[in-house]
Amino acid sequence: MKQLLLIRHAKATHESGYIDFERPLKHSGLQDAATVAMRLQEYSVIPQILMASPALRTLTTANVFAEHLSLPKPETDKRIYDADLDTLIDVVNELPDSYNFIGLVGHNPGISQLLYHLTSEVRDMETCAAVLIAFETNKWSAVGKFSGSVAYYTFPGEVSNS
């Protein structure tokens, strides 16, 4: 069984003076990333590794998650930045089978499109939302259209039931 945790990067600045690739997270984005990471830890939704776009806002989000979940430094894949659905599917299909649970930190609209493609579910992937998808396969190359199911979903503004 494979599990994929899709995470959309946290809130980034829209101030002028930054090229898109170098936009930093807002202070609220850093707080949201920490909040969602702690929630994942509370529910034991902890991937083995994180793969991220190398864009500053995405890599910073991944670093916050890695720190809070005691994970190794995130790996980057430049294809995740500004990726269309087909590119993201390629990224997922090429993930190493030695890992059963991988987190992928990326951008919209790609993350939302990938979620729908893999599960047929439409969810609001607001900034720093995270969704866990489970697949009944042992090979990432077998992950495809509607082959997964949503096992967990959270976002920064979610009210805790505890």
Protein backbone atom coordinates (compact mmCIF):
# COMPACT_ATOMS: atom_id res chain seq x y z
CA MET A 1 0.00 0.00 0.00
CA LYS A 2 1.26 3.45 -0.95
CA GLN A 3 0.26 6.72 0.69
CA LEU A 4 0.73 10.21 -0.74
CA LEU A 5 0.36 13.35 1.32
CA LEU A 6 -0.35 16.33 -0.92
CA ILE A 7 0.44 19.70 0.67
CA ARG A 8 -0.12 23.07 -0.93
CA HIS A 9 2.49 25.65 0.09
CA ALA A 10 1.56 28.11 2.84
CA LYS A 11 0.59 31.76 2.27
CA ALA A 12 3.28 33.71 0.44
CA THR A 13 3.76 37.42 -0.06
CA HIS A 14 2.41 39.14 -3.14
CA GLU A 15 4.52 42.25 -2.57
CA SER A 16 6.33 43.66 -5.56
CA GLY A 17 10.06 43.23 -5.81
CA TYR A 18 10.03 39.43 -5.88
CA ILE A 19 10.05 37.19 -8.90
CA ASP A 20 7.46 34.42 -8.49
CA PHE A 21 10.04 31.71 -7.77
CA GLU A 22 11.53 33.72 -4.89
CA ARG A 23 8.36 34.84 -3.09
CA PRO A 24 8.80 34.19 0.66
CA LEU A 25 6.12 33.00 3.05
CA LYS A 26 4.18 35.54 5.07
CA HIS A 27 4.44 35.31 8.85
CA SER A 28 0.89 33.87 8.84
CA GLY A 29 2.04 31.26 6.33
CA LEU A 30 4.83 30.12 8.64
CA GLN A 31 2.31 29.86 11.48
CA ASP A 32 -0.16 27.92 9.30
CA ALA A 33 2.55 25.46 8.24
CA ALA A 34 3.47 24.82 11.88
CA THR A 35 -0.21 24.39 12.84
CA VAL A 36 -0.94 21.89 10.07
CA ALA A 37 2.32 19.99 10.73
CA MET A 38 1.44 19.67 14.42
CA ARG A 39 -2.03 18.42 13.46
CA LEU A 40 -0.49 15.80 11.17
CA GLN A 41 1.76 14.71 14.02
CA GLU A 42 -1.23 14.51 16.40
CA TYR A 43 -3.03 12.18 13.97
CA SER A 44 0.14 10.20 13.13
CA VAL A 45 0.06 11.28 9.48
CA ILE A 46 3.82 11.36 9.05
CA PRO A 47 5.45 10.60 5.68
CA GLN A 48 8.87 9.00 5.40
CA ILE A 49 10.18 11.79 3.16
CA LEU A 50 9.04 15.06 1.60
CA MET A 51 9.43 16.04 -2.05
CA ALA A 52 9.00 19.72 -2.85
CA SER A 53 9.14 22.32 -5.55
CA PRO A 54 12.38 24.30 -5.19
CA ALA A 55 10.44 27.62 -5.18
CA LEU A 56 11.19 29.51 -1.94
CA ARG A 57 7.61 29.46 -0.58
CA THR A 58 7.24 25.73 -1.23
CA LEU A 59 10.62 24.69 0.08
CA THR A 60 10.13 26.83 3.20
CA THR A 61 6.75 25.15 3.79
CA ALA A 62 8.38 21.73 3.37
CA ASN A 63 11.16 22.69 5.80
CA VAL A 64 8.62 23.67 8.47
CA PHE A 65 6.85 20.32 8.04
CA ALA A 66 10.17 18.43 8.12
CA GLU A 67 11.21 20.19 11.31
CA HIS A 68 7.91 19.58 13.14
CA LEU A 69 7.63 15.96 11.95
CA SER A 70 11.32 15.14 12.56
CA LEU A 71 11.89 14.27 8.90
CA PRO A 72 15.07 14.53 6.85
CA LYS A 73 15.68 17.65 4.79
CA PRO A 74 13.11 17.74 1.96
CA GLU A 75 14.20 16.65 -1.50
CA THR A 76 13.39 18.97 -4.40
CA ASP A 77 12.16 18.30 -7.91
CA LYS A 78 12.10 21.32 -10.22
CA ARG A 79 9.31 19.71 -12.23
CA ILE A 80 6.87 20.34 -9.36
CA TYR A 81 7.18 24.13 -9.80
CA ASP A 82 4.47 25.42 -12.15
CA ALA A 83 3.65 21.81 -13.07
CA ASP A 84 0.62 20.76 -15.05
CA LEU A 85 -1.31 17.60 -14.20
CA ASP A 86 0.62 15.34 -16.59
CA THR A 87 3.95 16.45 -15.10
CA LEU A 88 2.76 15.83 -11.54
CA ILE A 89 1.52 12.36 -12.50
CA ASP A 90 5.00 11.66 -13.92
CA VAL A 91 6.57 12.85 -10.66
CA VAL A 92 4.32 10.55 -8.61
CA ASN A 93 4.81 7.56 -10.93
CA GLU A 94 8.58 7.96 -10.64
CA LEU A 95 8.70 8.13 -6.83
CA PRO A 96 10.99 5.47 -5.33
CA ASP A 97 9.15 2.27 -4.39
CA SER A 98 11.44 1.94 -1.37
CA TYR A 99 9.14 4.52 0.30
CA ASN A 100 5.52 3.66 1.06
CA PHE A 101 4.52 7.09 2.38
CA ILE A 102 5.72 10.27 0.67
CA GLY A 103 4.70 13.89 1.09
CA LEU A 104 4.60 16.13 -1.99
CA VAL A 105 4.64 19.89 -1.41
CA GLY A 106 3.55 21.90 -4.42
CA HIS A 107 1.43 24.62 -5.96
CA ASN A 108 -2.09 25.16 -7.21
CA PRO A 109 -3.73 24.59 -9.59
CA GLY A 110 -1.60 21.44 -9.99
CA ILE A 111 -2.12 20.07 -6.47
CA SER A 112 -5.92 20.39 -6.75
CA GLN A 113 -5.92 18.85 -10.22
CA LEU A 114 -3.76 15.95 -9.01
CA LEU A 115 -6.06 15.35 -6.04
CA TYR A 116 -9.09 15.14 -8.34
CA HIS A 117 -7.28 12.96 -10.89
CA LEU A 118 -6.14 10.45 -8.27
CA THR A 119 -9.35 10.31 -6.20
CA SER A 120 -12.24 11.88 -8.19
CA GLU A 121 -12.79 14.15 -5.17
CA VAL A 122 -12.99 17.91 -5.41
CA ARG A 123 -11.61 19.59 -2.30
CA ASP A 124 -10.58 23.14 -1.58
CA MET A 125 -6.79 22.99 -1.50
CA GLU A 126 -6.33 26.38 0.11
CA THR A 127 -2.85 27.46 1.09
CA CYS A 128 -1.27 24.92 3.45
CA ALA A 129 -4.09 22.39 3.09
CA ALA A 130 -2.96 18.77 3.33
CA VAL A 131 -4.68 15.65 2.04
CA LEU A 132 -3.64 12.03 2.53
CA ILE A 133 -4.39 9.68 -0.35
CA ALA A 134 -4.16 5.89 0.06
CA PHE A 135 -3.54 3.52 -2.85
CA GLU A 136 -4.00 -0.26 -2.98
CA THR A 137 -0.71 -0.87 -4.78
CA ASN A 138 2.93 -1.50 -3.96
CA LYS A 139 4.28 0.44 -6.94
CA TRP A 140 4.16 4.18 -7.50
CA SER A 141 4.11 3.50 -11.24
CA ALA A 142 0.66 1.89 -10.79
CA VAL A 143 -0.86 5.05 -9.28
CA GLY A 144 -3.29 6.57 -11.77
CA LYS A 145 -6.68 8.04 -12.44
CA PHE A 146 -9.15 7.44 -9.61
CA SER A 147 -6.85 4.79 -8.09
CA GLY A 148 -6.69 6.41 -4.65
CA SER A 149 -9.01 7.38 -1.84
CA VAL A 150 -8.84 10.30 0.58
CA ALA A 151 -7.91 9.05 4.04
CA TYR A 152 -7.39 12.40 5.81
CA TYR A 153 -7.80 16.10 5.01
CA THR A 154 -6.90 19.20 6.98
CA PHE A 155 -6.34 22.91 6.44
CA PRO A 156 -5.11 25.80 8.61
CA GLY A 157 -8.53 27.18 9.64
CA GLU A 158 -9.99 23.80 10.57
CA VAL A 159 -11.57 23.77 14.03
CA SER A 160 -10.27 20.92 16.14
CA ASN A 161 -12.82 18.54 17.69
CA SER A 162 -10.67 17.80 20.69
